């Protein structure tokens, strides 16, 4: 038994662009700098953004956290935060 594909929802407030729409659209880079800045700006962060880093972990540690499913990196972060509550990293 094969699954039937779900039809794409039709959004009457946001119709698909036509070739003419694409031809007459204004590129972002052509907008005034003040508007570009306003459109790029993000709202305030609820928490400070995380820092991207690379660390080497034992295969068994990675395997155990990954085995618990999605969010394994967040759980490693939480485990390290918990450890820092009672230990000094130095």
C-alpha atoms as a PDB file:
ATOM      1  CA  UNK A   1       0.000   0.000   0.000  1.00  0.00           C
ATOM      2  CA  UNK A   2       1.506   3.318  -1.034  1.00  0.00           C
ATOM      3  CA  UNK A   3       0.773   6.559   0.745  1.00  0.00           C
ATOM      4  CA  UNK A   4      -0.950   9.288  -1.197  1.00  0.00           C
ATOM      5  CA  UNK A   5       1.004  12.542  -1.165  1.00  0.00           C
ATOM      6  CA  UNK A   6      -0.629  15.329   0.793  1.00  0.00           C
ATOM      7  CA  UNK A   7      -1.679  18.215  -1.418  1.00  0.00           C
ATOM      8  CA  UNK A   8       0.129  21.474  -0.750  1.00  0.00           C
ATOM      9  CA  UNK A   9      -2.021  23.886   1.237  1.00  0.00           C
ATOM     10  CA  UNK A  10      -3.182  26.919  -0.704  1.00  0.00           C
ATOM     11  CA  UNK A  11      -2.428  30.213   0.991  1.00  0.00           C
ATOM     12  CA  UNK A  12      -4.630  32.878  -0.533  1.00  0.00           C
ATOM     13  CA  UNK A  13      -2.798  35.619   1.399  1.00  0.00           C
ATOM     14  CA  UNK A  14       0.584  34.503   0.064  1.00  0.00           C
ATOM     15  CA  UNK A  15       0.147  33.200  -3.485  1.00  0.00           C
ATOM     16  CA  UNK A  16       2.986  31.593  -5.405  1.00  0.00           C
ATOM     17  CA  UNK A  17       5.066  34.105  -7.335  1.00  0.00           C
ATOM     18  CA  UNK A  18       4.642  34.332 -11.072  1.00  0.00           C
ATOM     19  CA  UNK A  19       7.483  34.898 -13.511  1.00  0.00           C
ATOM     20  CA  UNK A  20       6.359  38.532 -13.785  1.00  0.00           C
ATOM     21  CA  UNK A  21       6.465  38.940  -9.970  1.00  0.00           C
ATOM     22  CA  UNK A  22      10.051  37.690  -9.939  1.00  0.00           C
ATOM     23  CA  UNK A  23      11.073  40.019 -12.786  1.00  0.00           C
ATOM     24  CA  UNK A  24       9.639  43.106 -11.085  1.00  0.00           C
ATOM     25  CA  UNK A  25      10.775  42.309  -7.533  1.00  0.00           C
ATOM     26  CA  UNK A  26      13.274  44.644  -5.877  1.00  0.00           C
ATOM     27  CA  UNK A  27      16.453  42.862  -4.721  1.00  0.00           C
ATOM     28  CA  UNK A  28      17.179  43.136  -1.006  1.00  0.00           C
ATOM     29  CA  UNK A  29      20.523  44.801  -1.780  1.00  0.00           C
ATOM     30  CA  UNK A  30      18.652  47.595  -3.599  1.00  0.00           C
ATOM     31  CA  UNK A  31      16.540  48.511  -0.579  1.00  0.00           C
ATOM     32  CA  UNK A  32      17.571  51.568   1.478  1.00  0.00           C
ATOM     33  CA  UNK A  33      20.214  50.734   4.101  1.00  0.00           C
ATOM     34  CA  UNK A  34      17.882  51.776   6.936  1.00  0.00           C
ATOM     35  CA  UNK A  35      15.233  49.312   5.761  1.00  0.00           C
ATOM     36  CA  UNK A  36      17.814  46.540   5.311  1.00  0.00           C
ATOM     37  CA  UNK A  37      18.979  47.081   8.889  1.00  0.00           C
ATOM     38  CA  UNK A  38      15.415  46.994  10.177  1.00  0.00           C
ATOM     39  CA  UNK A  39      14.605  43.785   8.284  1.00  0.00           C
ATOM     40  CA  UNK A  40      17.800  42.037   9.425  1.00  0.00           C
ATOM     41  CA  UNK A  41      17.389  42.867  13.091  1.00  0.00           C
ATOM     42  CA  UNK A  42      16.349  40.059  15.381  1.00  0.00           C
ATOM     43  CA  UNK A  43      14.349  40.517  18.523  1.00  0.00           C
ATOM     44  CA  UNK A  44      15.963  40.311  21.938  1.00  0.00           C
ATOM     45  CA  UNK A  45      17.312  36.889  22.858  1.00  0.00           C
ATOM     46  CA  UNK A  46      15.711  35.125  25.825  1.00  0.00           C
ATOM     47  CA  UNK A  47      19.097  33.683  26.739  1.00  0.00           C
ATOM     48  CA  UNK A  48      22.576  34.560  25.536  1.00  0.00           C
ATOM     49  CA  UNK A  49      23.399  32.795  22.257  1.00  0.00           C
ATOM     50  CA  UNK A  50      25.490  29.660  22.561  1.00  0.00           C
ATOM     51  CA  UNK A  51      29.099  29.576  21.397  1.00  0.00           C
ATOM     52  CA  UNK A  52      29.993  27.191  18.602  1.00  0.00           C
ATOM     53  CA  UNK A  53      33.009  25.065  19.478  1.00  0.00           C
ATOM     54  CA  UNK A  54      34.619  21.747  18.719  1.00  0.00           C
ATOM     55  CA  UNK A  55      35.531  19.335  21.506  1.00  0.00           C
ATOM     56  CA  UNK A  56      36.681  15.748  21.548  1.00  0.00           C
ATOM     57  CA  UNK A  57      34.628  13.352  23.664  1.00  0.00           C
ATOM     58  CA  UNK A  58      34.974   9.658  24.354  1.00  0.00           C
ATOM     59  CA  UNK A  59      33.002   7.511  21.916  1.00  0.00           C
ATOM     60  CA  UNK A  60      31.035   5.930  24.777  1.00  0.00           C
ATOM     61  CA  UNK A  61      29.962   9.368  26.055  1.00  0.00           C
ATOM     62  CA  UNK A  62      28.768  10.475  22.617  1.00  0.00           C
ATOM     63  CA  UNK A  63      27.053   7.136  22.000  1.00  0.00           C
ATOM     64  CA  UNK A  64      25.188   7.280  25.321  1.00  0.00           C
ATOM     65  CA  UNK A  65      23.912  10.811  24.733  1.00  0.00           C
ATOM     66  CA  UNK A  66      23.009  10.166  21.076  1.00  0.00           C
ATOM     67  CA  UNK A  67      21.168   6.973  22.009  1.00  0.00           C
ATOM     68  CA  UNK A  68      18.699   9.099  23.982  1.00  0.00           C
ATOM     69  CA  UNK A  69      17.637  10.814  20.740  1.00  0.00           C
ATOM     70  CA  UNK A  70      17.500  14.353  19.422  1.00  0.00           C
ATOM     71  CA  UNK A  71      18.806  17.076  21.686  1.00  0.00           C
ATOM     72  CA  UNK A  72      21.867  15.115  22.753  1.00  0.00           C
ATOM     73  CA  UNK A  73      24.154  18.147  22.451  1.00  0.00           C
ATOM     74  CA  UNK A  74      21.798  20.170  24.653  1.00  0.00           C
ATOM     75  CA  UNK A  75      21.850  17.370  27.233  1.00  0.00           C
ATOM     76  CA  UNK A  76      25.668  17.361  27.218  1.00  0.00           C
ATOM     77  CA  UNK A  77      25.554  21.129  27.793  1.00  0.00           C
ATOM     78  CA  UNK A  78      23.144  20.619  30.711  1.00  0.00           C
ATOM     79  CA  UNK A  79      25.357  17.884  32.197  1.00  0.00           C
ATOM     80  CA  UNK A  80      28.399  20.162  32.034  1.00  0.00           C
ATOM     81  CA  UNK A  81      26.457  23.042  33.618  1.00  0.00           C
ATOM     82  CA  UNK A  82      25.362  20.703  36.408  1.00  0.00           C
ATOM     83  CA  UNK A  83      28.966  19.608  36.960  1.00  0.00           C
ATOM     84  CA  UNK A  84      30.102  23.261  37.152  1.00  0.00           C
ATOM     85  CA  UNK A  85      27.672  23.883  40.049  1.00  0.00           C
ATOM     86  CA  UNK A  86      29.781  21.671  42.316  1.00  0.00           C
ATOM     87  CA  UNK A  87      33.224  21.737  40.704  1.00  0.00           C
ATOM     88  CA  UNK A  88      35.793  24.263  39.631  1.00  0.00           C
ATOM     89  CA  UNK A  89      36.988  23.900  36.036  1.00  0.00           C
ATOM     90  CA  UNK A  90      40.552  24.756  37.110  1.00  0.00           C
END
